[in-house]
C-alpha cells in the first residue's frame, strides 16, 4: 500500500496520451521495494505545454526526477542542462535526474530496455538483419542499440521522412554501411521491431505488411495497451517468437529507477 507524506519525493511521468502507461504503478512499487518514499504520478501534458510544464517542475523542490514518454522524448532534450553521450547521439531523452544544484541531467535507456527484453525472450540481434518501424525518440534509441549490439544491417521506416533521414544520417556516421531507409515490408528480416504508437487504437493499421511475415522471424512491439498488440497477435498465429511492450518495460524499469536515484552528480 502506498503512503504519502510531506517527505514524499515526486518522479512524475509526462506523456500524451498517458492512460496507457504502466510506469506510475510499477516504478512506484520498485521505489517502495527499495524503501524510497517516492511516487511516480502520471501527468497528461500536451506538446504545446511541455516546455512550460518542465520549467515549472524545476522549481518544485521535491521533484527529483522526471520520466518522459510519447511524444515528448525529442522535446525533452531541450529541457535538459546536460545529457548523456547516448542521448545526445540519438537526439532524445526518456529519463531525467535533478542534480544537487537543480540542473536537469537526461539520458535515454529505451534501446537498452527494448533489446534486453528481446534477449530475455531468446533472440540475439548480433549478426541479424533488422527492420525498425519508427524514427522518433524511442525509435532512435532502439536503432542505436540494435547496431551497437552487432546487427548485420538495420533498415528503418517512418512516415516522417525528415525525421527518418536525420536519424539515418546520424547512424551512418557511427555505423557506416550498416543502416538504410526501408519500408514496412518485413520480407528478408530476422527482427521486426515496432517502436511507434501504431496498434494502440482499434482503427489502426498494422505497422508492417503482416501478410509477408513468416514463422522464423522475431516480432517485437513497444506498446503496452493493448497488452498484446494486433501485430504481435498476428505473428503468434504464424508461430513467430515475440516480445510485447511489457517485455521492454519490465527490462527497463529497474534501469530507470537506478538512474533517478543516483546520488552523485555528473
C-alpha atoms as a PDB file:
ATOM      1  CA  UNK A   1       0.000   0.000   0.000  1.00  0.00           C
ATOM      2  CA  UNK A   2       1.238   3.468  -0.883  1.00  0.00           C
ATOM      3  CA  UNK A   3       1.585   6.024   1.921  1.00  0.00           C
ATOM      4  CA  UNK A   4       2.172   9.646   1.036  1.00  0.00           C
ATOM      5  CA  UNK A   5       3.669  12.148   3.439  1.00  0.00           C
ATOM      6  CA  UNK A   6       5.181  15.597   3.337  1.00  0.00           C
ATOM      7  CA  UNK A   7       8.563  13.965   2.668  1.00  0.00           C
ATOM      8  CA  UNK A   8       7.420  12.050  -0.428  1.00  0.00           C
ATOM      9  CA  UNK A   9       9.657  12.528  -3.452  1.00  0.00           C
ATOM     10  CA  UNK A  10       7.966  13.028  -6.826  1.00  0.00           C
ATOM     11  CA  UNK A  11       9.149  11.464 -10.083  1.00  0.00           C
ATOM     12  CA  UNK A  12       6.338  12.406 -12.495  1.00  0.00           C
ATOM     13  CA  UNK A  13       5.906  10.796 -15.898  1.00  0.00           C
ATOM     14  CA  UNK A  14       4.840  13.111 -18.733  1.00  0.00           C
ATOM     15  CA  UNK A  15       3.051  11.909 -21.844  1.00  0.00           C
ATOM     16  CA  UNK A  16       0.209  12.488 -24.303  1.00  0.00           C
ATOM     17  CA  UNK A  17      -1.762  10.229 -24.030  1.00  0.00           C
ATOM     18  CA  UNK A  18      -0.906   8.919 -20.581  1.00  0.00           C
ATOM     19  CA  UNK A  19      -3.684   6.438 -19.708  1.00  0.00           C
ATOM     20  CA  UNK A  20      -1.831   3.504 -21.305  1.00  0.00           C
ATOM     21  CA  UNK A  21       1.409   3.792 -19.303  1.00  0.00           C
ATOM     22  CA  UNK A  22       2.337   1.219 -16.666  1.00  0.00           C
ATOM     23  CA  UNK A  23       5.079   3.315 -15.089  1.00  0.00           C
ATOM     24  CA  UNK A  24       3.122   5.016 -12.279  1.00  0.00           C
ATOM     25  CA  UNK A  25       2.246   1.747 -10.575  1.00  0.00           C
ATOM     26  CA  UNK A  26       5.301  -0.344 -11.322  1.00  0.00           C
ATOM     27  CA  UNK A  27       8.018   2.262 -10.832  1.00  0.00           C
ATOM     28  CA  UNK A  28       6.372   3.324  -7.575  1.00  0.00           C
ATOM     29  CA  UNK A  29       6.454  -0.314  -6.425  1.00  0.00           C
ATOM     30  CA  UNK A  30      10.165  -0.507  -7.213  1.00  0.00           C
ATOM     31  CA  UNK A  31      10.802   2.690  -5.236  1.00  0.00           C
ATOM     32  CA  UNK A  32       8.950   1.284  -2.234  1.00  0.00           C
ATOM     33  CA  UNK A  33      10.717  -2.062  -2.520  1.00  0.00           C
ATOM     34  CA  UNK A  34      13.945  -0.084  -2.231  1.00  0.00           C
ATOM     35  CA  UNK A  35      12.495   1.728   0.799  1.00  0.00           C
ATOM     36  CA  UNK A  36      12.329   5.075  -1.005  1.00  0.00           C
ATOM     37  CA  UNK A  37       9.450   7.376  -0.031  1.00  0.00           C
ATOM     38  CA  UNK A  38       8.575   8.319  -3.591  1.00  0.00           C
ATOM     39  CA  UNK A  39       5.822   8.061  -6.199  1.00  0.00           C
ATOM     40  CA  UNK A  40       5.586   8.314  -9.995  1.00  0.00           C
ATOM     41  CA  UNK A  41       2.428  10.343 -10.705  1.00  0.00           C
ATOM     42  CA  UNK A  42       1.127  10.485 -14.299  1.00  0.00           C
ATOM     43  CA  UNK A  43       0.866  13.893 -15.936  1.00  0.00           C
ATOM     44  CA  UNK A  44      -1.081  14.302 -19.181  1.00  0.00           C
ATOM     45  CA  UNK A  45       0.745  17.133 -20.939  1.00  0.00           C
ATOM     46  CA  UNK A  46       0.065  18.340 -24.481  1.00  0.00           C
ATOM     47  CA  UNK A  47       3.117  19.020 -26.670  1.00  0.00           C
ATOM     48  CA  UNK A  48       2.320  22.746 -26.760  1.00  0.00           C
ATOM     49  CA  UNK A  49       2.599  22.893 -22.957  1.00  0.00           C
ATOM     50  CA  UNK A  50       5.529  20.528 -22.460  1.00  0.00           C
ATOM     51  CA  UNK A  51       8.380  23.041 -22.101  1.00  0.00           C
ATOM     52  CA  UNK A  52       6.273  25.228 -19.823  1.00  0.00           C
ATOM     53  CA  UNK A  53       5.491  22.299 -17.538  1.00  0.00           C
ATOM     54  CA  UNK A  54       9.135  21.194 -17.459  1.00  0.00           C
ATOM     55  CA  UNK A  55      10.159  24.720 -16.481  1.00  0.00           C
ATOM     56  CA  UNK A  56       7.769  24.651 -13.531  1.00  0.00           C
ATOM     57  CA  UNK A  57       8.879  21.174 -12.427  1.00  0.00           C
ATOM     58  CA  UNK A  58      12.388  22.563 -11.938  1.00  0.00           C
ATOM     59  CA  UNK A  59      11.102  24.845  -9.193  1.00  0.00           C
ATOM     60  CA  UNK A  60       9.251  22.083  -7.297  1.00  0.00           C
ATOM     61  CA  UNK A  61      11.824  21.111  -4.712  1.00  0.00           C
ATOM     62  CA  UNK A  62      10.570  17.570  -4.085  1.00  0.00           C
ATOM     63  CA  UNK A  63      10.563  16.698  -7.800  1.00  0.00           C
ATOM     64  CA  UNK A  64      13.819  14.749  -8.034  1.00  0.00           C
ATOM     65  CA  UNK A  65      13.396  13.194 -11.462  1.00  0.00           C
ATOM     66  CA  UNK A  66      11.110  13.027 -14.480  1.00  0.00           C
ATOM     67  CA  UNK A  67      10.152  10.105 -16.717  1.00  0.00           C
ATOM     68  CA  UNK A  68       9.374  11.003 -20.331  1.00  0.00           C
ATOM     69  CA  UNK A  69       7.134   9.063 -22.699  1.00  0.00           C
ATOM     70  CA  UNK A  70       5.447   9.538 -26.093  1.00  0.00           C
ATOM     71  CA  UNK A  71       5.511  12.105 -27.715  1.00  0.00           C
ATOM     72  CA  UNK A  72       7.890  14.235 -25.627  1.00  0.00           C
ATOM     73  CA  UNK A  73      11.211  12.380 -25.848  1.00  0.00           C
ATOM     74  CA  UNK A  74      12.741  14.564 -28.540  1.00  0.00           C
ATOM     75  CA  UNK A  75      11.455  17.783 -26.957  1.00  0.00           C
ATOM     76  CA  UNK A  76      12.850  16.674 -23.583  1.00  0.00           C
ATOM     77  CA  UNK A  77      16.386  17.014 -24.939  1.00  0.00           C
ATOM     78  CA  UNK A  78      15.876  20.790 -24.945  1.00  0.00           C
ATOM     79  CA  UNK A  79      14.645  20.704 -21.350  1.00  0.00           C
ATOM     80  CA  UNK A  80      17.931  19.324 -20.030  1.00  0.00           C
ATOM     81  CA  UNK A  81      21.026  21.226 -18.986  1.00  0.00           C
ATOM     82  CA  UNK A  82      23.196  18.137 -19.516  1.00  0.00           C
ATOM     83  CA  UNK A  83      22.604  14.862 -21.349  1.00  0.00           C
ATOM     84  CA  UNK A  84      24.499  11.611 -21.777  1.00  0.00           C
ATOM     85  CA  UNK A  85      26.530  10.976 -24.922  1.00  0.00           C
ATOM     86  CA  UNK A  86      23.953   8.332 -25.902  1.00  0.00           C
ATOM     87  CA  UNK A  87      21.007  10.723 -25.528  1.00  0.00           C
ATOM     88  CA  UNK A  88      22.829  13.409 -27.489  1.00  0.00           C
ATOM     89  CA  UNK A  89      23.567  10.982 -30.293  1.00  0.00           C
ATOM     90  CA  UNK A  90      20.003   9.633 -30.645  1.00  0.00           C
ATOM     91  CA  UNK A  91      18.513  13.090 -30.098  1.00  0.00           C
ATOM     92  CA  UNK A  92      16.034  12.212 -27.372  1.00  0.00           C
ATOM     93  CA  UNK A  93      15.620  11.736 -23.624  1.00  0.00           C
ATOM     94  CA  UNK A  94      13.326   9.413 -21.672  1.00  0.00           C
ATOM     95  CA  UNK A  95      14.649   9.835 -18.132  1.00  0.00           C
ATOM     96  CA  UNK A  96      15.841  12.909 -16.223  1.00  0.00           C
ATOM     97  CA  UNK A  97      17.564  13.262 -12.869  1.00  0.00           C
ATOM     98  CA  UNK A  98      17.656  16.538 -10.962  1.00  0.00           C
ATOM     99  CA  UNK A  99      21.198  17.212  -9.845  1.00  0.00           C
ATOM    100  CA  UNK A 100      22.066  18.708  -6.465  1.00  0.00           C
ATOM    101  CA  UNK A 101      22.402  22.181  -7.979  1.00  0.00           C
ATOM    102  CA  UNK A 102      18.970  21.923  -9.624  1.00  0.00           C
ATOM    103  CA  UNK A 103      20.108  21.208 -13.168  1.00  0.00           C
ATOM    104  CA  UNK A 104      18.372  18.523 -15.220  1.00  0.00           C
ATOM    105  CA  UNK A 105      20.539  15.645 -16.500  1.00  0.00           C
ATOM    106  CA  UNK A 106      18.936  13.418 -19.148  1.00  0.00           C
ATOM    107  CA  UNK A 107      19.571  10.016 -20.683  1.00  0.00           C
ATOM    108  CA  UNK A 108      17.740   7.617 -22.967  1.00  0.00           C
ATOM    109  CA  UNK A 109      17.643   3.964 -21.940  1.00  0.00           C
ATOM    110  CA  UNK A 110      14.786   2.884 -24.221  1.00  0.00           C
ATOM    111  CA  UNK A 111      17.132   0.988 -26.500  1.00  0.00           C
ATOM    112  CA  UNK A 112      18.693  -0.923 -23.617  1.00  0.00           C
ATOM    113  CA  UNK A 113      15.271  -1.911 -22.277  1.00  0.00           C
ATOM    114  CA  UNK A 114      13.951  -2.927 -25.695  1.00  0.00           C
ATOM    115  CA  UNK A 115      16.928  -5.099 -26.616  1.00  0.00           C
ATOM    116  CA  UNK A 116      17.241  -6.580 -23.110  1.00  0.00           C
ATOM    117  CA  UNK A 117      13.564  -7.545 -23.334  1.00  0.00           C
ATOM    118  CA  UNK A 118      14.098  -9.217 -26.703  1.00  0.00           C
ATOM    119  CA  UNK A 119      17.174 -11.035 -25.406  1.00  0.00           C
ATOM    120  CA  UNK A 120      15.163 -12.343 -22.459  1.00  0.00           C
ATOM    121  CA  UNK A 121      12.795 -13.927 -24.980  1.00  0.00           C
ATOM    122  CA  UNK A 122      15.720 -15.755 -26.551  1.00  0.00           C
ATOM    123  CA  UNK A 123      16.569 -13.564 -29.558  1.00  0.00           C
ATOM    124  CA  UNK A 124      20.066 -12.097 -30.013  1.00  0.00           C
ATOM    125  CA  UNK A 125      20.275  -9.384 -32.680  1.00  0.00           C
ATOM    126  CA  UNK A 126      24.003  -9.882 -33.291  1.00  0.00           C
ATOM    127  CA  UNK A 127      24.700 -10.679 -36.970  1.00  0.00           C
ATOM    128  CA  UNK A 128      20.980 -10.437 -37.799  1.00  0.00           C
ATOM    129  CA  UNK A 129      19.040  -8.214 -40.202  1.00  0.00           C
ATOM    130  CA  UNK A 130      16.527  -5.925 -38.508  1.00  0.00           C
ATOM    131  CA  UNK A 131      13.594  -3.810 -39.658  1.00  0.00           C
ATOM    132  CA  UNK A 132      12.625  -0.968 -37.325  1.00  0.00           C
ATOM    133  CA  UNK A 133       9.353   0.936 -37.603  1.00  0.00           C
ATOM    134  CA  UNK A 134       9.699   4.360 -36.010  1.00  0.00           C
ATOM    135  CA  UNK A 135      12.387   7.037 -36.044  1.00  0.00           C
ATOM    136  CA  UNK A 136      11.090   9.092 -33.120  1.00  0.00           C
ATOM    137  CA  UNK A 137      12.596   9.421 -29.670  1.00  0.00           C
ATOM    138  CA  UNK A 138      12.259   5.779 -28.640  1.00  0.00           C
ATOM    139  CA  UNK A 139      12.901   4.523 -32.159  1.00  0.00           C
ATOM    140  CA  UNK A 140      16.177   6.424 -32.349  1.00  0.00           C
ATOM    141  CA  UNK A 141      17.369   4.847 -29.111  1.00  0.00           C
ATOM    142  CA  UNK A 142      16.344   1.357 -30.235  1.00  0.00           C
ATOM    143  CA  UNK A 143      18.054   1.866 -33.597  1.00  0.00           C
ATOM    144  CA  UNK A 144      21.304   2.848 -31.893  1.00  0.00           C
ATOM    145  CA  UNK A 145      21.170  -0.165 -29.570  1.00  0.00           C
ATOM    146  CA  UNK A 146      20.381  -2.630 -32.388  1.00  0.00           C
ATOM    147  CA  UNK A 147      23.503  -1.536 -34.231  1.00  0.00           C
ATOM    148  CA  UNK A 148      25.598  -1.267 -31.073  1.00  0.00           C
ATOM    149  CA  UNK A 149      24.791  -4.930 -30.341  1.00  0.00           C
ATOM    150  CA  UNK A 150      26.148  -6.047 -33.675  1.00  0.00           C
ATOM    151  CA  UNK A 151      23.239  -6.338 -36.105  1.00  0.00           C
ATOM    152  CA  UNK A 152      24.496  -7.008 -39.639  1.00  0.00           C
ATOM    153  CA  UNK A 153      22.075  -4.440 -41.080  1.00  0.00           C
ATOM    154  CA  UNK A 154      19.229  -2.190 -39.958  1.00  0.00           C
ATOM    155  CA  UNK A 155      16.507  -0.759 -42.186  1.00  0.00           C
ATOM    156  CA  UNK A 156      14.250   1.937 -40.728  1.00  0.00           C
ATOM    157  CA  UNK A 157      10.832   3.136 -41.848  1.00  0.00           C
ATOM    158  CA  UNK A 158       8.932   6.200 -40.628  1.00  0.00           C
ATOM    159  CA  UNK A 159       6.155   8.256 -42.211  1.00  0.00           C
ATOM    160  CA  UNK A 160       8.050  11.424 -41.234  1.00  0.00           C
ATOM    161  CA  UNK A 161      10.699  11.482 -43.957  1.00  0.00           C
ATOM    162  CA  UNK A 162      12.596  14.437 -42.494  1.00  0.00           C
ATOM    163  CA  UNK A 163      12.952  12.746 -39.126  1.00  0.00           C
ATOM    164  CA  UNK A 164      13.880   9.449 -40.768  1.00  0.00           C
ATOM    165  CA  UNK A 165      16.576  10.983 -42.953  1.00  0.00           C
ATOM    166  CA  UNK A 166      18.096  12.810 -39.997  1.00  0.00           C
ATOM    167  CA  UNK A 167      18.300   9.580 -37.985  1.00  0.00           C
ATOM    168  CA  UNK A 168      19.802   7.616 -40.875  1.00  0.00           C
ATOM    169  CA  UNK A 169      22.459  10.304 -41.332  1.00  0.00           C
ATOM    170  CA  UNK A 170      23.451  10.197 -37.649  1.00  0.00           C
ATOM    171  CA  UNK A 171      23.579   6.402 -37.553  1.00  0.00           C
ATOM    172  CA  UNK A 172      25.549   6.166 -40.791  1.00  0.00           C
ATOM    173  CA  UNK A 173      28.259   8.360 -39.260  1.00  0.00           C
ATOM    174  CA  UNK A 174      28.659   5.928 -36.342  1.00  0.00           C
ATOM    175  CA  UNK A 175      27.850   2.640 -38.108  1.00  0.00           C
ATOM    176  CA  UNK A 176      28.882   3.126 -41.762  1.00  0.00           C
ATOM    177  CA  UNK A 177      27.316   0.733 -44.251  1.00  0.00           C
ATOM    178  CA  UNK A 178      25.018  -0.833 -41.644  1.00  0.00           C
ATOM    179  CA  UNK A 179      21.834   1.250 -41.992  1.00  0.00           C
ATOM    180  CA  UNK A 180      19.377   2.167 -44.735  1.00  0.00           C
ATOM    181  CA  UNK A 181      15.947   3.684 -45.318  1.00  0.00           C
ATOM    182  CA  UNK A 182      13.392   0.894 -45.533  1.00  0.00           C
ATOM    183  CA  UNK A 183       9.660   0.372 -45.893  1.00  0.00           C
ATOM    184  CA  UNK A 184       7.048  -1.605 -43.980  1.00  0.00           C
ATOM    185  CA  UNK A 185       7.602  -4.877 -45.859  1.00  0.00           C
ATOM    186  CA  UNK A 186       9.225  -7.348 -43.408  1.00  0.00           C
ATOM    187  CA  UNK A 187      10.480  -9.738 -46.092  1.00  0.00           C
ATOM    188  CA  UNK A 188      14.094 -10.754 -45.565  1.00  0.00           C
ATOM    189  CA  UNK A 189      14.482  -9.578 -41.962  1.00  0.00           C
ATOM    190  CA  UNK A 190      15.191 -11.611 -38.838  1.00  0.00           C
ATOM    191  CA  UNK A 191      13.839  -8.999 -36.412  1.00  0.00           C
ATOM    192  CA  UNK A 192      10.777  -6.824 -36.964  1.00  0.00           C
ATOM    193  CA  UNK A 193      10.506  -4.114 -34.309  1.00  0.00           C
ATOM    194  CA  UNK A 194       7.692  -1.583 -33.921  1.00  0.00           C
ATOM    195  CA  UNK A 195       8.514   1.450 -31.796  1.00  0.00           C
ATOM    196  CA  UNK A 196       5.540   3.646 -32.712  1.00  0.00           C
ATOM    197  CA  UNK A 197       2.060   4.083 -31.150  1.00  0.00           C
ATOM    198  CA  UNK A 198       0.505   2.305 -34.150  1.00  0.00           C
ATOM    199  CA  UNK A 199      -1.655  -0.503 -32.819  1.00  0.00           C
ATOM    200  CA  UNK A 200      -2.959   1.249 -29.710  1.00  0.00           C
ATOM    201  CA  UNK A 201      -6.299   2.170 -31.306  1.00  0.00           C
ATOM    202  CA  UNK A 202      -8.716  -0.402 -32.759  1.00  0.00           C
ATOM    203  CA  UNK A 203      -8.804   1.512 -36.040  1.00  0.00           C
ATOM    204  CA  UNK A 204      -5.017   1.475 -36.507  1.00  0.00           C
ATOM    205  CA  UNK A 205      -3.483  -0.444 -39.419  1.00  0.00           C
ATOM    206  CA  UNK A 206      -0.699  -2.941 -38.807  1.00  0.00           C
ATOM    207  CA  UNK A 207       2.742  -1.273 -38.568  1.00  0.00           C
ATOM    208  CA  UNK A 208       4.071  -3.697 -41.199  1.00  0.00           C
ATOM    209  CA  UNK A 209       2.664  -5.748 -44.051  1.00  0.00           C
ATOM    210  CA  UNK A 210       1.841  -8.747 -41.879  1.00  0.00           C
ATOM    211  CA  UNK A 211       0.980 -10.934 -44.871  1.00  0.00           C
ATOM    212  CA  UNK A 212       4.739 -11.093 -45.559  1.00  0.00           C
ATOM    213  CA  UNK A 213       5.696 -12.339 -42.084  1.00  0.00           C
ATOM    214  CA  UNK A 214       6.894 -15.910 -41.575  1.00  0.00           C
ATOM    215  CA  UNK A 215       7.315 -18.148 -38.547  1.00  0.00           C
ATOM    216  CA  UNK A 216      11.119 -17.820 -38.452  1.00  0.00           C
ATOM    217  CA  UNK A 217      11.034 -14.096 -37.712  1.00  0.00           C
ATOM    218  CA  UNK A 218      11.086 -12.454 -34.279  1.00  0.00           C
ATOM    219  CA  UNK A 219       8.434  -9.748 -33.886  1.00  0.00           C
ATOM    220  CA  UNK A 220       8.617  -7.127 -31.130  1.00  0.00           C
ATOM    221  CA  UNK A 221       6.343  -4.239 -30.160  1.00  0.00           C
ATOM    222  CA  UNK A 222       6.734  -1.332 -27.750  1.00  0.00           C
ATOM    223  CA  UNK A 223       3.089  -0.560 -26.990  1.00  0.00           C
ATOM    224  CA  UNK A 224       1.652  -1.771 -23.678  1.00  0.00           C
ATOM    225  CA  UNK A 225      -2.038  -1.189 -24.365  1.00  0.00           C
ATOM    226  CA  UNK A 226      -3.448  -3.490 -25.591  1.00  0.00           C
ATOM    227  CA  UNK A 227      -1.222  -5.938 -23.737  1.00  0.00           C
ATOM    228  CA  UNK A 228      -0.791  -7.996 -26.909  1.00  0.00           C
ATOM    229  CA  UNK A 229      -0.722  -5.725 -29.943  1.00  0.00           C
ATOM    230  CA  UNK A 230      -2.552  -6.771 -33.122  1.00  0.00           C
ATOM    231  CA  UNK A 231       0.795  -7.225 -34.908  1.00  0.00           C
ATOM    232  CA  UNK A 232       2.144  -9.491 -32.175  1.00  0.00           C
ATOM    233  CA  UNK A 233      -1.116 -11.423 -32.082  1.00  0.00           C
ATOM    234  CA  UNK A 234      -0.903 -11.997 -35.843  1.00  0.00           C
ATOM    235  CA  UNK A 235       2.755 -13.010 -35.603  1.00  0.00           C
ATOM    236  CA  UNK A 236       1.985 -15.510 -32.860  1.00  0.00           C
ATOM    237  CA  UNK A 237      -0.699 -17.071 -35.032  1.00  0.00           C
ATOM    238  CA  UNK A 238       2.070 -17.861 -37.538  1.00  0.00           C
ATOM    239  CA  UNK A 239       4.319 -19.346 -34.867  1.00  0.00           C
ATOM    240  CA  UNK A 240       6.704 -16.392 -34.520  1.00  0.00           C
ATOM    241  CA  UNK A 241       8.558 -15.753 -31.284  1.00  0.00           C
ATOM    242  CA  UNK A 242       7.589 -12.329 -29.960  1.00  0.00           C
ATOM    243  CA  UNK A 243       8.018  -9.627 -27.344  1.00  0.00           C
ATOM    244  CA  UNK A 244       5.143  -7.432 -26.174  1.00  0.00           C
ATOM    245  CA  UNK A 245       5.559  -3.918 -24.827  1.00  0.00           C
ATOM    246  CA  UNK A 246       5.583  -5.157 -21.254  1.00  0.00           C
ATOM    247  CA  UNK A 247       8.783  -7.041 -22.031  1.00  0.00           C
ATOM    248  CA  UNK A 248      10.527  -3.790 -22.856  1.00  0.00           C
ATOM    249  CA  UNK A 249       9.052  -2.017 -19.862  1.00  0.00           C
ATOM    250  CA  UNK A 250       9.947  -4.744 -17.361  1.00  0.00           C
ATOM    251  CA  UNK A 251      13.545  -4.812 -18.588  1.00  0.00           C
ATOM    252  CA  UNK A 252      13.800  -1.032 -18.464  1.00  0.00           C
ATOM    253  CA  UNK A 253      12.023  -0.297 -15.178  1.00  0.00           C
ATOM    254  CA  UNK A 254      14.918  -1.089 -12.839  1.00  0.00           C
ATOM    255  CA  UNK A 255      17.289   0.901 -15.066  1.00  0.00           C
ATOM    256  CA  UNK A 256      15.001   3.952 -14.873  1.00  0.00           C
ATOM    257  CA  UNK A 257      14.873   3.808 -11.082  1.00  0.00           C
ATOM    258  CA  UNK A 258      18.643   3.308 -10.832  1.00  0.00           C
ATOM    259  CA  UNK A 259      19.147   6.461 -12.889  1.00  0.00           C
ATOM    260  CA  UNK A 260      16.725   8.601 -10.881  1.00  0.00           C
ATOM    261  CA  UNK A 261      18.178   7.543  -7.545  1.00  0.00           C
ATOM    262  CA  UNK A 262      21.849   8.008  -8.411  1.00  0.00           C
ATOM    263  CA  UNK A 263      23.143  10.426  -5.798  1.00  0.00           C
ATOM    264  CA  UNK A 264      26.366  11.659  -7.393  1.00  0.00           C
ATOM    265  CA  UNK A 265      26.389  14.459  -9.948  1.00  0.00           C
ATOM    266  CA  UNK A 266      27.836  14.024 -13.428  1.00  0.00           C
END
